[in-house]
C-alpha atoms as a PDB file:
ATOM      1  CA  MET A   1      -8.738-124.605  62.386  1.00  0.00           C
ATOM      2  CA  THR A   2     -10.065-127.719  60.914  1.00  0.00           C
ATOM      3  CA  ALA A   3     -13.671-128.158  60.564  1.00  0.00           C
ATOM      4  CA  ILE A   4     -15.790-129.439  63.158  1.00  0.00           C
ATOM      5  CA  GLY A   5     -17.097-132.487  62.571  1.00  0.00           C
ATOM      6  CA  VAL A   6     -18.470-133.843  66.229  1.00  0.00           C
ATOM      7  CA  VAL A   7     -19.286-131.947  68.910  1.00  0.00           C
ATOM      8  CA  LEU A   8     -18.820-134.063  72.192  1.00  0.00           C
ATOM      9  CA  PHE A   9     -20.575-132.614  75.556  1.00  0.00           C
ATOM     10  CA  ASP A  10     -20.057-133.663  78.936  1.00  0.00           C
ATOM     11  CA  MET A  11     -22.981-134.336  81.141  1.00  0.00           C
ATOM     12  CA  GLU A  12     -23.075-133.202  84.581  1.00  0.00           C
ATOM     13  CA  GLY A  13     -22.122-129.131  84.960  1.00  0.00           C
ATOM     14  CA  VAL A  14     -23.061-128.967  81.032  1.00  0.00           C
ATOM     15  CA  LEU A  15     -26.222-130.554  80.100  1.00  0.00           C
ATOM     16  CA  SER A  16     -27.256-130.938  83.684  1.00  0.00           C
ATOM     17  CA  HIS A  17     -26.892-130.015  87.078  1.00  0.00           C
ATOM     18  CA  TYR A  18     -25.512-132.185  89.858  1.00  0.00           C
ATOM     19  CA  ASP A  19     -26.688-131.927  93.413  1.00  0.00           C
ATOM     20  CA  ARG A  20     -24.004-134.655  95.596  1.00  0.00           C
ATOM     21  CA  GLU A  21     -26.047-133.425  98.716  1.00  0.00           C
ATOM     22  CA  ALA A  22     -29.412-134.451  97.101  1.00  0.00           C
ATOM     23  CA  ARG A  23     -27.671-137.565  96.002  1.00  0.00           C
ATOM     24  CA  VAL A  24     -26.169-138.558  99.810  1.00  0.00           C
ATOM     25  CA  ALA A  25     -29.932-137.937 101.305  1.00  0.00           C
ATOM     26  CA  SER A  26     -31.459-140.097  98.933  1.00  0.00           C
ATOM     27  CA  LEU A  27     -29.109-142.819  99.601  1.00  0.00           C
ATOM     28  CA  ALA A  28     -28.927-142.283 103.625  1.00  0.00           C
ATOM     29  CA  ALA A  29     -32.342-142.118 103.819  1.00  0.00           C
ATOM     30  CA  SER A  30     -32.551-145.611 102.004  1.00  0.00           C
ATOM     31  CA  THR A  31     -30.126-147.318 103.954  1.00  0.00           C
ATOM     32  CA  GLY A  32     -29.783-145.278 107.330  1.00  0.00           C
ATOM     33  CA  ALA A  33     -26.348-144.684 106.872  1.00  0.00           C
ATOM     34  CA  PRO A  34     -25.128-141.166 108.263  1.00  0.00           C
ATOM     35  CA  PRO A  35     -24.647-138.816 105.567  1.00  0.00           C
ATOM     36  CA  ALA A  36     -21.009-138.394 106.127  1.00  0.00           C
ATOM     37  CA  THR A  37     -20.788-142.220 106.354  1.00  0.00           C
ATOM     38  CA  VAL A  38     -22.504-142.090 102.379  1.00  0.00           C
ATOM     39  CA  ARG A  39     -20.020-139.157 101.127  1.00  0.00           C
ATOM     40  CA  HIS A  40     -17.293-140.824 102.572  1.00  0.00           C
ATOM     41  CA  ALA A  41     -18.148-144.376 101.079  1.00  0.00           C
ATOM     42  CA  ILE A  42     -18.829-142.769  97.711  1.00  0.00           C
ATOM     43  CA  TRP A  43     -16.404-140.143  97.345  1.00  0.00           C
ATOM     44  CA  GLY A  44     -13.436-140.008 100.425  1.00  0.00           C
ATOM     45  CA  SER A  45     -12.487-143.526  99.889  1.00  0.00           C
ATOM     46  CA  GLY A  46     -11.946-143.340  96.312  1.00  0.00           C
ATOM     47  CA  LEU A  47     -14.546-145.920  95.390  1.00  0.00           C
ATOM     48  CA  GLU A  48     -16.462-143.791  92.943  1.00  0.00           C
ATOM     49  CA  ALA A  49     -13.380-142.424  90.975  1.00  0.00           C
ATOM     50  CA  ARG A  50     -12.489-146.774  90.384  1.00  0.00           C
ATOM     51  CA  ALA A  51     -15.973-147.536  89.171  1.00  0.00           C
ATOM     52  CA  ASP A  52     -15.353-143.924  86.751  1.00  0.00           C
ATOM     53  CA  ALA A  53     -11.995-145.012  85.526  1.00  0.00           C
ATOM     54  CA  GLY A  54     -13.368-148.811  84.999  1.00  0.00           C
ATOM     55  CA  GLU A  55     -11.049-150.431  87.330  1.00  0.00           C
ATOM     56  CA  ILE A  56     -14.159-152.529  88.669  1.00  0.00           C
ATOM     57  CA  ASP A  57     -17.679-153.422  87.177  1.00  0.00           C
ATOM     58  CA  PRO A  58     -20.787-151.989  88.451  1.00  0.00           C
ATOM     59  CA  ASP A  59     -21.779-155.382  91.091  1.00  0.00           C
ATOM     60  CA  ALA A  60     -18.338-155.230  92.476  1.00  0.00           C
ATOM     61  CA  TYR A  61     -18.509-151.552  93.062  1.00  0.00           C
ATOM     62  CA  LEU A  62     -22.237-151.681  95.005  1.00  0.00           C
ATOM     63  CA  ARG A  63     -20.963-154.796  96.890  1.00  0.00           C
ATOM     64  CA  ALA A  64     -17.888-152.571  98.135  1.00  0.00           C
ATOM     65  CA  LEU A  65     -20.649-149.767  98.218  1.00  0.00           C
ATOM     66  CA  GLY A  66     -23.078-151.841 100.613  1.00  0.00           C
ATOM     67  CA  VAL A  67     -19.955-153.155 102.904  1.00  0.00           C
ATOM     68  CA  MET A  68     -18.901-149.587 103.591  1.00  0.00           C
ATOM     69  CA  LEU A  69     -22.557-148.677 104.836  1.00  0.00           C
ATOM     70  CA  GLY A  70     -23.394-151.581 106.544  1.00  0.00           C
ATOM     71  CA  CYS A  71     -26.151-153.078 104.075  1.00  0.00           C
ATOM     72  CA  GLU A  72     -27.138-154.631 100.814  1.00  0.00           C
ATOM     73  CA  VAL A  73     -27.212-151.166  97.741  1.00  0.00           C
ATOM     74  CA  GLY A  74     -29.282-152.863  95.468  1.00  0.00           C
ATOM     75  CA  ARG A  75     -29.072-151.554  91.577  1.00  0.00           C
ATOM     76  CA  ASP A  76     -32.469-149.669  92.321  1.00  0.00           C
ATOM     77  CA  VAL A  77     -31.767-147.930  95.452  1.00  0.00           C
ATOM     78  CA  TRP A  78     -28.638-146.312  93.611  1.00  0.00           C
ATOM     79  CA  LEU A  79     -30.325-145.391  90.735  1.00  0.00           C
ATOM     80  CA  ALA A  80     -33.121-143.057  92.776  1.00  0.00           C
ATOM     81  CA  SER A  81     -30.272-141.713  94.621  1.00  0.00           C
ATOM     82  CA  ARG A  82     -28.039-140.681  91.131  1.00  0.00           C
ATOM     83  CA  ARG A  83     -31.766-139.598  89.974  1.00  0.00           C
ATOM     84  CA  ALA A  84     -32.066-137.520  92.833  1.00  0.00           C
ATOM     85  CA  SER A  85     -29.196-135.066  92.323  1.00  0.00           C
ATOM     86  CA  ILE A  86     -29.574-135.028  88.464  1.00  0.00           C
ATOM     87  CA  THR A  87     -31.504-131.792  86.404  1.00  0.00           C
ATOM     88  CA  PRO A  88     -31.686-131.454  83.365  1.00  0.00           C
ATOM     89  CA  ASN A  89     -30.314-128.014  81.960  1.00  0.00           C
ATOM     90  CA  GLU A  90     -32.834-127.228  79.510  1.00  0.00           C
ATOM     91  CA  ALA A  91     -31.337-124.129  78.067  1.00  0.00           C
ATOM     92  CA  ALA A  92     -28.026-126.375  77.719  1.00  0.00           C
ATOM     93  CA  LEU A  93     -29.719-128.964  75.976  1.00  0.00           C
ATOM     94  CA  ALA A  94     -31.490-126.676  73.265  1.00  0.00           C
ATOM     95  CA  LEU A  95     -28.252-125.604  72.043  1.00  0.00           C
ATOM     96  CA  ALA A  96     -27.100-129.239  71.898  1.00  0.00           C
ATOM     97  CA  GLN A  97     -30.431-129.760  69.719  1.00  0.00           C
ATOM     98  CA  ARG A  98     -29.447-126.731  67.283  1.00  0.00           C
ATOM     99  CA  VAL A  99     -25.944-128.263  67.076  1.00  0.00           C
ATOM    100  CA  ALA A 100     -27.403-131.612  65.694  1.00  0.00           C
ATOM    101  CA  VAL A 101     -28.623-129.747  62.736  1.00  0.00           C
ATOM    102  CA  ARG A 102     -25.101-129.042  61.476  1.00  0.00           C
ATOM    103  CA  CYS A 103     -23.018-131.852  62.795  1.00  0.00           C
ATOM    104  CA  ARG A 104     -22.869-134.969  65.202  1.00  0.00           C
ATOM    105  CA  ILE A 105     -23.245-134.687  68.585  1.00  0.00           C
ATOM    106  CA  ALA A 106     -22.050-136.897  71.662  1.00  0.00           C
ATOM    107  CA  VAL A 107     -21.726-136.914  75.085  1.00  0.00           C
ATOM    108  CA  LEU A 108     -18.430-137.909  77.374  1.00  0.00           C
ATOM    109  CA  THR A 109     -19.187-138.331  81.168  1.00  0.00           C
ATOM    110  CA  ASN A 110     -16.854-139.361  84.164  1.00  0.00           C
ATOM    111  CA  ASN A 111     -19.338-142.374  85.036  1.00  0.00           C
ATOM    112  CA  CYS A 112     -19.724-145.505  85.507  1.00  0.00           C
ATOM    113  CA  SER A 113     -22.214-147.649  82.901  1.00  0.00           C
ATOM    114  CA  LEU A 114     -24.658-147.586  85.981  1.00  0.00           C
ATOM    115  CA  VAL A 115     -25.395-144.442  84.656  1.00  0.00           C
ATOM    116  CA  THR A 116     -25.360-144.520  80.714  1.00  0.00           C
ATOM    117  CA  HIS A 117     -26.859-147.451  81.030  1.00  0.00           C
ATOM    118  CA  HIS A 118     -30.201-146.051  82.714  1.00  0.00           C
ATOM    119  CA  LEU A 119     -30.080-142.604  81.045  1.00  0.00           C
ATOM    120  CA  ASP A 120     -33.663-143.296  80.363  1.00  0.00           C
ATOM    121  CA  TYR A 121     -34.400-143.610  83.680  1.00  0.00           C
ATOM    122  CA  LEU A 122     -31.750-140.900  85.735  1.00  0.00           C
ATOM    123  CA  ASN A 123     -31.648-138.338  82.738  1.00  0.00           C
ATOM    124  CA  PRO A 124     -34.683-138.780  80.081  1.00  0.00           C
ATOM    125  CA  PRO A 125     -33.871-135.760  78.018  1.00  0.00           C
ATOM    126  CA  VAL A 126     -30.462-136.390  77.502  1.00  0.00           C
ATOM    127  CA  ALA A 127     -31.035-139.843  76.569  1.00  0.00           C
ATOM    128  CA  ARG A 128     -33.881-138.745  73.924  1.00  0.00           C
ATOM    129  CA  LEU A 129     -31.314-136.041  72.417  1.00  0.00           C
ATOM    130  CA  PHE A 130     -28.529-138.322  72.008  1.00  0.00           C
ATOM    131  CA  GLY A 131     -29.510-141.862  71.897  1.00  0.00           C
ATOM    132  CA  SER A 132     -27.097-144.708  71.806  1.00  0.00           C
ATOM    133  CA  GLN A 133     -23.688-141.417  71.537  1.00  0.00           C
ATOM    134  CA  ILE A 134     -23.349-141.315  75.235  1.00  0.00           C
ATOM    135  CA  TYR A 135     -19.991-142.965  76.778  1.00  0.00           C
ATOM    136  CA  SER A 136     -18.767-143.389  79.977  1.00  0.00           C
ATOM    137  CA  SER A 137     -15.254-142.754  81.200  1.00  0.00           C
ATOM    138  CA  ALA A 138     -15.092-146.066  82.806  1.00  0.00           C
ATOM    139  CA  THR A 139     -15.388-147.562  79.266  1.00  0.00           C
ATOM    140  CA  PHE A 140     -12.001-146.062  77.704  1.00  0.00           C
ATOM    141  CA  GLY A 141     -10.111-147.350  81.221  1.00  0.00           C
ATOM    142  CA  ALA A 142      -9.670-143.845  82.645  1.00  0.00           C
ATOM    143  CA  VAL A 143     -11.383-140.388  83.974  1.00  0.00           C
ATOM    144  CA  LYS A 144     -11.089-137.103  81.903  1.00  0.00           C
ATOM    145  CA  PRO A 145      -8.617-135.207  81.719  1.00  0.00           C
ATOM    146  CA  ALA A 146      -6.603-138.525  80.878  1.00  0.00           C
ATOM    147  CA  ALA A 147      -5.753-138.200  76.617  1.00  0.00           C
ATOM    148  CA  GLN A 148      -6.698-142.341  76.794  1.00  0.00           C
ATOM    149  CA  THR A 149     -10.411-141.186  77.511  1.00  0.00           C
ATOM    150  CA  TYR A 150     -10.712-137.940  75.026  1.00  0.00           C
ATOM    151  CA  LEU A 151      -9.018-140.835  72.032  1.00  0.00           C
ATOM    152  CA  GLY A 152     -10.917-143.726  72.815  1.00  0.00           C
ATOM    153  CA  CYS A 153     -14.132-142.192  72.731  1.00  0.00           C
ATOM    154  CA  VAL A 154     -13.442-139.763  69.281  1.00  0.00           C
ATOM    155  CA  ALA A 155     -11.495-143.533  68.166  1.00  0.00           C
ATOM    156  CA  GLU A 156     -15.396-144.838  69.225  1.00  0.00           C
ATOM    157  CA  LEU A 157     -16.944-142.419  67.284  1.00  0.00           C
ATOM    158  CA  GLY A 158     -14.993-142.796  63.977  1.00  0.00           C
ATOM    159  CA  ALA A 159     -13.744-139.382  64.011  1.00  0.00           C
ATOM    160  CA  GLN A 160     -10.481-137.554  64.599  1.00  0.00           C
ATOM    161  CA  PRO A 161      -9.566-135.666  67.978  1.00  0.00           C
ATOM    162  CA  GLN A 162      -8.848-132.244  65.755  1.00  0.00           C
ATOM    163  CA  GLU A 163     -12.138-132.429  63.905  1.00  0.00           C
ATOM    164  CA  THR A 164     -13.938-133.066  67.510  1.00  0.00           C
ATOM    165  CA  LEU A 165     -14.889-129.955  69.709  1.00  0.00           C
ATOM    166  CA  PHE A 166     -15.370-130.983  73.438  1.00  0.00           C
ATOM    167  CA  ILE A 167     -17.258-128.911  75.454  1.00  0.00           C
ATOM    168  CA  ASP A 168     -16.258-129.114  79.876  1.00  0.00           C
ATOM    169  CA  ASP A 169     -17.013-126.847  82.689  1.00  0.00           C
ATOM    170  CA  SER A 170     -14.113-128.135  84.458  1.00  0.00           C
ATOM    171  CA  GLU A 171     -11.058-126.299  83.165  1.00  0.00           C
ATOM    172  CA  ALA A 172      -8.874-129.167  83.856  1.00  0.00           C
ATOM    173  CA  ASN A 173     -11.092-131.452  81.396  1.00  0.00           C
ATOM    174  CA  VAL A 174     -11.125-128.729  79.128  1.00  0.00           C
ATOM    175  CA  THR A 175      -7.004-128.564  78.841  1.00  0.00           C
ATOM    176  CA  GLY A 176      -6.818-132.333  78.974  1.00  0.00           C
ATOM    177  CA  ALA A 177      -8.677-131.928  75.459  1.00  0.00           C
ATOM    178  CA  LEU A 178      -6.847-129.581  74.070  1.00  0.00           C
ATOM    179  CA  ASP A 179      -3.797-131.648  75.184  1.00  0.00           C
ATOM    180  CA  ALA A 180      -5.035-134.724  73.175  1.00  0.00           C
ATOM    181  CA  GLY A 181      -5.759-133.120  70.125  1.00  0.00           C
ATOM    182  CA  LEU A 182      -9.256-132.057  70.133  1.00  0.00           C
ATOM    183  CA  GLN A 183     -10.875-128.382  69.787  1.00  0.00           C
ATOM    184  CA  ALA A 184     -12.702-127.231  72.890  1.00  0.00           C
ATOM    185  CA  CYS A 185     -14.697-124.615  74.729  1.00  0.00           C
ATOM    186  CA  HIS A 186     -15.062-124.091  78.662  1.00  0.00           C
ATOM    187  CA  PHE A 187     -18.491-123.973  79.475  1.00  0.00           C
ATOM    188  CA  VAL A 188     -19.455-121.334  82.190  1.00  0.00           C
ATOM    189  CA  GLU A 189     -23.219-120.906  81.234  1.00  0.00           C
ATOM    190  CA  ALA A 190     -25.519-121.288  78.107  1.00  0.00           C
ATOM    191  CA  ASP A 191     -25.267-117.535  76.508  1.00  0.00           C
ATOM    192  CA  SER A 192     -21.669-117.521  76.584  1.00  0.00           C
ATOM    193  CA  LEU A 193     -21.402-121.239  74.878  1.00  0.00           C
ATOM    194  CA  ALA A 194     -24.354-120.206  71.945  1.00  0.00           C
ATOM    195  CA  ARG A 195     -21.765-117.102  71.573  1.00  0.00           C
ATOM    196  CA  ASP A 196     -18.947-119.628  71.098  1.00  0.00           C
ATOM    197  CA  LEU A 197     -20.903-122.115  68.968  1.00  0.00           C
ATOM    198  CA  ALA A 198     -22.008-119.205  66.823  1.00  0.00           C
ATOM    199  CA  ARG A 199     -18.700-118.395  66.376  1.00  0.00           C
ATOM    200  CA  LEU A 200     -17.399-121.086  65.085  1.00  0.00           C
ATOM    201  CA  GLY A 201     -20.050-121.679  62.975  1.00  0.00           C
ATOM    202  CA  LEU A 202     -21.886-124.908  64.802  1.00  0.00           C
ATOM    203  CA  ILE A 203     -25.434-122.716  65.304  1.00  0.00           C
ATOM    204  CA  GLU A 204     -26.823-119.695  63.969  1.00  0.00           C
ATOM    205  CA  GLY A 205     -25.920-116.790  65.766  1.00  0.00           C
END
């Protein structure tokens, strides 16, 4: 097995918990749209997936969302709803900080740039720990588990796939990373991840 030089973390589901219903409730309260309408506009319509894949830019995304909700959706309203959905996973973040002592760390998340460009507000602990090494899938024109997402991120980091460990809570995304030539771990909870990281020599056991 090739020595690991970079550990690439998924964000939501690993470094933070993601509460879709809190996001829906916040956006419904701000816009007056029924929660079912909000859910459909974000996920059912495919709009969020298109934004995460970089098919539309943030301004076009917000305009389209506003059309479906029947009102203008400003960045401040959208960001407040996203912030409501995010709770940092302190145990996972502590592990990432321990890994950073031995190798480089970075984040690859299925999101549009509205998330990664505003992480100081949305998810301050992740922003502080990872700094500029936070990448959205939209940057690479596809979402995980597409190979180009992982390979684009690895290239941006100046690394090689075989020396990069990817960690995600989605089994499909872990399989996608392995298929793209990366090493990978399936995240279930922090204790099992700690054992995996110790086994790989990335933290002290």
